[in-house]
């Protein structure tokens, strides 16, 4: 349930199921579809060089290996 309030009273109460339906309606109205595969996200020009891509991949793998949740600076 979502409740919004001001200083003196509650404005609106929306059960979670109603909010979920509203999101689904918005997605349909905008023509948004769920991602089916990583290929859906692929596009050219995200990284300026192969080196930048490799740095991103190395950082991602290092972050996944980090078990205590601290951020990792690979510089």
N, C-alpha and C. Protein backbone atom coordinates (compact mmCIF):
# COMPACT_ATOMS: atom_id res chain seq x y z
N UNK A 1 0.84 -1.18 0.00
CA UNK A 1 0.00 0.00 0.00
C UNK A 1 0.89 1.24 0.00
N UNK A 2 0.52 2.21 -0.78
CA UNK A 2 1.24 3.48 -0.85
C UNK A 2 0.37 4.55 -0.21
N UNK A 3 0.95 5.27 0.74
CA UNK A 3 0.23 6.35 1.41
C UNK A 3 1.05 7.62 1.25
N UNK A 4 0.41 8.68 0.78
CA UNK A 4 1.07 9.98 0.73
C UNK A 4 0.37 10.88 1.74
N UNK A 5 1.13 11.74 2.39
CA UNK A 5 0.54 12.56 3.44
C UNK A 5 1.17 13.94 3.48
N UNK A 6 0.43 14.89 4.06
CA UNK A 6 0.98 16.22 4.32
C UNK A 6 1.09 16.38 5.82
N UNK A 7 1.26 17.60 6.28
CA UNK A 7 1.41 17.85 7.71
C UNK A 7 0.15 17.48 8.50
N UNK A 8 -1.01 17.64 7.92
CA UNK A 8 -2.23 17.47 8.71
C UNK A 8 -3.14 16.32 8.31
N UNK A 9 -2.98 15.73 7.14
CA UNK A 9 -3.86 14.61 6.79
C UNK A 9 -3.31 13.76 5.65
N UNK A 10 -3.90 12.57 5.49
CA UNK A 10 -3.51 11.65 4.43
C UNK A 10 -4.21 12.06 3.15
N UNK A 11 -3.44 12.12 2.04
CA UNK A 11 -3.99 12.52 0.76
C UNK A 11 -4.56 11.36 -0.04
N UNK A 12 -3.80 10.27 -0.11
CA UNK A 12 -4.17 9.23 -1.04
C UNK A 12 -3.65 7.88 -0.55
N UNK A 13 -4.48 6.86 -0.65
CA UNK A 13 -4.08 5.50 -0.31
C UNK A 13 -4.31 4.64 -1.54
N UNK A 14 -3.26 3.98 -2.01
CA UNK A 14 -3.37 3.13 -3.20
C UNK A 14 -2.83 1.75 -2.87
N UNK A 15 -3.68 0.73 -2.96
CA UNK A 15 -3.18 -0.63 -2.74
C UNK A 15 -2.13 -0.98 -3.78
N UNK A 16 -1.17 -1.82 -3.41
CA UNK A 16 -0.07 -2.19 -4.28
C UNK A 16 -0.57 -2.77 -5.59
N UNK A 17 -1.59 -3.61 -5.56
CA UNK A 17 -2.10 -4.23 -6.79
C UNK A 17 -2.58 -3.17 -7.78
N UNK A 18 -3.18 -2.10 -7.30
CA UNK A 18 -3.65 -1.04 -8.20
C UNK A 18 -2.47 -0.29 -8.81
N UNK A 19 -1.43 -0.04 -8.03
CA UNK A 19 -0.25 0.64 -8.57
C UNK A 19 0.40 -0.21 -9.64
N UNK A 20 0.49 -1.53 -9.44
CA UNK A 20 1.10 -2.41 -10.43
C UNK A 20 0.30 -2.37 -11.72
N UNK A 21 -1.00 -2.41 -11.65
CA UNK A 21 -1.82 -2.35 -12.85
C UNK A 21 -1.60 -1.02 -13.56
N UNK A 22 -1.46 0.04 -12.82
CA UNK A 22 -1.24 1.35 -13.42
C UNK A 22 0.10 1.37 -14.18
N UNK A 23 1.14 0.80 -13.61
CA UNK A 23 2.43 0.72 -14.30
C UNK A 23 2.30 -0.08 -15.59
N UNK A 24 1.61 -1.20 -15.52
CA UNK A 24 1.44 -2.03 -16.72
C UNK A 24 0.68 -1.25 -17.80
N UNK A 25 -0.31 -0.49 -17.40
CA UNK A 25 -1.05 0.33 -18.36
C UNK A 25 -0.15 1.38 -19.00
N UNK A 26 0.71 2.01 -18.18
CA UNK A 26 1.64 3.00 -18.72
C UNK A 26 2.61 2.36 -19.71
N UNK A 27 3.11 1.20 -19.37
CA UNK A 27 4.03 0.50 -20.28
C UNK A 27 3.36 0.21 -21.61
N UNK A 28 2.12 -0.30 -21.54
CA UNK A 28 1.38 -0.61 -22.78
C UNK A 28 1.15 0.66 -23.59
N UNK A 29 0.77 1.74 -22.93
CA UNK A 29 0.47 3.00 -23.62
C UNK A 29 1.71 3.55 -24.33
N UNK A 30 2.88 3.34 -23.74
CA UNK A 30 4.12 3.84 -24.34
C UNK A 30 4.76 2.83 -25.29
N UNK A 31 4.18 1.64 -25.38
CA UNK A 31 4.74 0.62 -26.26
C UNK A 31 6.02 0.00 -25.73
N UNK A 32 6.22 0.06 -24.41
CA UNK A 32 7.42 -0.48 -23.78
C UNK A 32 7.24 -1.99 -23.61
N UNK A 33 8.29 -2.72 -23.96
CA UNK A 33 8.26 -4.18 -23.81
C UNK A 33 9.38 -4.61 -22.88
N UNK A 34 9.21 -5.75 -22.21
CA UNK A 34 10.29 -6.27 -21.36
C UNK A 34 11.51 -6.64 -22.21
N UNK A 35 12.67 -6.56 -21.63
CA UNK A 35 13.90 -6.96 -22.30
C UNK A 35 13.89 -8.49 -22.41
N UNK A 36 14.08 -8.99 -23.60
CA UNK A 36 14.08 -10.44 -23.82
C UNK A 36 15.48 -11.03 -23.73
N UNK A 37 16.49 -10.24 -24.12
CA UNK A 37 17.87 -10.73 -24.08
C UNK A 37 18.82 -9.53 -24.01
N UNK A 38 20.07 -9.82 -23.77
CA UNK A 38 21.08 -8.76 -23.73
C UNK A 38 21.21 -8.06 -25.07
N UNK A 39 20.89 -8.76 -26.15
CA UNK A 39 20.96 -8.17 -27.48
C UNK A 39 20.00 -6.99 -27.63
N UNK A 40 18.91 -6.98 -26.84
CA UNK A 40 17.97 -5.86 -26.87
C UNK A 40 18.63 -4.56 -26.42
N UNK A 41 19.69 -4.66 -25.62
CA UNK A 41 20.37 -3.49 -25.09
C UNK A 41 21.58 -3.07 -25.93
N UNK A 42 21.96 -3.91 -26.87
CA UNK A 42 23.16 -3.65 -27.67
C UNK A 42 22.94 -2.47 -28.61
N UNK A 43 23.95 -1.60 -28.66
CA UNK A 43 23.95 -0.50 -29.63
C UNK A 43 25.39 -0.02 -29.80
N UNK A 44 25.66 0.47 -30.98
CA UNK A 44 27.00 0.97 -31.28
C UNK A 44 27.24 2.33 -30.62
N UNK A 45 28.50 2.62 -30.32
CA UNK A 45 28.87 3.93 -29.84
C UNK A 45 28.77 4.16 -28.34
N UNK A 46 28.48 3.13 -27.56
CA UNK A 46 28.39 3.31 -26.11
C UNK A 46 29.78 3.58 -25.53
N UNK A 47 30.78 2.84 -26.01
CA UNK A 47 32.15 3.03 -25.55
C UNK A 47 32.96 3.65 -26.67
N UNK A 48 33.83 4.57 -26.32
CA UNK A 48 34.61 5.28 -27.33
C UNK A 48 35.74 4.44 -27.91
N UNK A 49 36.17 3.41 -27.17
CA UNK A 49 37.27 2.57 -27.66
C UNK A 49 37.13 1.17 -27.07
N UNK A 50 37.88 0.24 -27.65
CA UNK A 50 37.92 -1.12 -27.10
C UNK A 50 38.52 -1.11 -25.70
N UNK A 51 39.49 -0.21 -25.48
CA UNK A 51 40.12 -0.10 -24.16
C UNK A 51 39.09 0.31 -23.09
N UNK A 52 38.25 1.28 -23.43
CA UNK A 52 37.22 1.72 -22.49
C UNK A 52 36.25 0.58 -22.19
N UNK A 53 35.88 -0.20 -23.20
CA UNK A 53 35.01 -1.36 -22.99
C UNK A 53 35.67 -2.37 -22.07
N UNK A 54 36.94 -2.67 -22.31
CA UNK A 54 37.67 -3.63 -21.47
C UNK A 54 37.75 -3.15 -20.02
N UNK A 55 37.96 -1.86 -19.80
CA UNK A 55 38.00 -1.30 -18.43
C UNK A 55 36.64 -1.49 -17.75
N UNK A 56 35.58 -1.25 -18.50
CA UNK A 56 34.23 -1.42 -17.95
C UNK A 56 34.00 -2.88 -17.56
N UNK A 57 34.36 -3.79 -18.43
CA UNK A 57 34.17 -5.22 -18.15
C UNK A 57 35.00 -5.65 -16.94
N UNK A 58 36.24 -5.21 -16.86
CA UNK A 58 37.10 -5.54 -15.71
C UNK A 58 36.50 -5.01 -14.42
N UNK A 59 36.02 -3.77 -14.45
CA UNK A 59 35.40 -3.19 -13.26
C UNK A 59 34.16 -3.97 -12.86
N UNK A 60 33.34 -4.36 -13.83
CA UNK A 60 32.12 -5.11 -13.54
C UNK A 60 32.44 -6.44 -12.90
N UNK A 61 33.40 -7.19 -13.46
CA UNK A 61 33.79 -8.47 -12.87
C UNK A 61 34.34 -8.29 -11.46
N UNK A 62 35.16 -7.27 -11.25
CA UNK A 62 35.74 -7.03 -9.92
C UNK A 62 34.64 -6.70 -8.92
N UNK A 63 33.69 -5.90 -9.32
CA UNK A 63 32.60 -5.54 -8.42
C UNK A 63 31.77 -6.76 -8.05
N UNK A 64 31.57 -7.65 -8.98
CA UNK A 64 30.81 -8.88 -8.70
C UNK A 64 31.56 -9.80 -7.76
N UNK A 65 32.88 -9.80 -7.84
CA UNK A 65 33.69 -10.65 -6.96
C UNK A 65 33.79 -10.09 -5.55
N UNK A 66 33.59 -8.79 -5.41
CA UNK A 66 33.71 -8.13 -4.12
C UNK A 66 32.55 -8.58 -3.23
N UNK A 67 32.84 -9.27 -2.16
CA UNK A 67 31.78 -9.86 -1.33
C UNK A 67 31.28 -8.95 -0.22
N UNK A 68 32.06 -7.97 0.19
CA UNK A 68 31.63 -7.16 1.33
C UNK A 68 30.90 -5.88 0.92
N UNK A 69 30.67 -5.66 -0.38
CA UNK A 69 29.86 -4.55 -0.83
C UNK A 69 30.56 -3.22 -0.95
N UNK A 70 31.86 -3.14 -0.61
CA UNK A 70 32.57 -1.87 -0.75
C UNK A 70 32.79 -1.56 -2.22
N UNK A 71 32.84 -0.29 -2.55
CA UNK A 71 33.12 0.07 -3.94
C UNK A 71 34.59 -0.16 -4.23
N UNK A 72 34.88 -0.43 -5.48
CA UNK A 72 36.24 -0.74 -5.89
C UNK A 72 36.69 0.33 -6.88
N UNK A 73 37.88 0.86 -6.65
CA UNK A 73 38.46 1.83 -7.59
C UNK A 73 39.61 1.11 -8.29
N UNK A 74 39.47 0.86 -9.58
CA UNK A 74 40.48 0.12 -10.32
C UNK A 74 41.53 1.00 -10.96
N UNK A 75 41.49 2.29 -10.68
CA UNK A 75 42.47 3.21 -11.29
C UNK A 75 43.82 3.08 -10.65
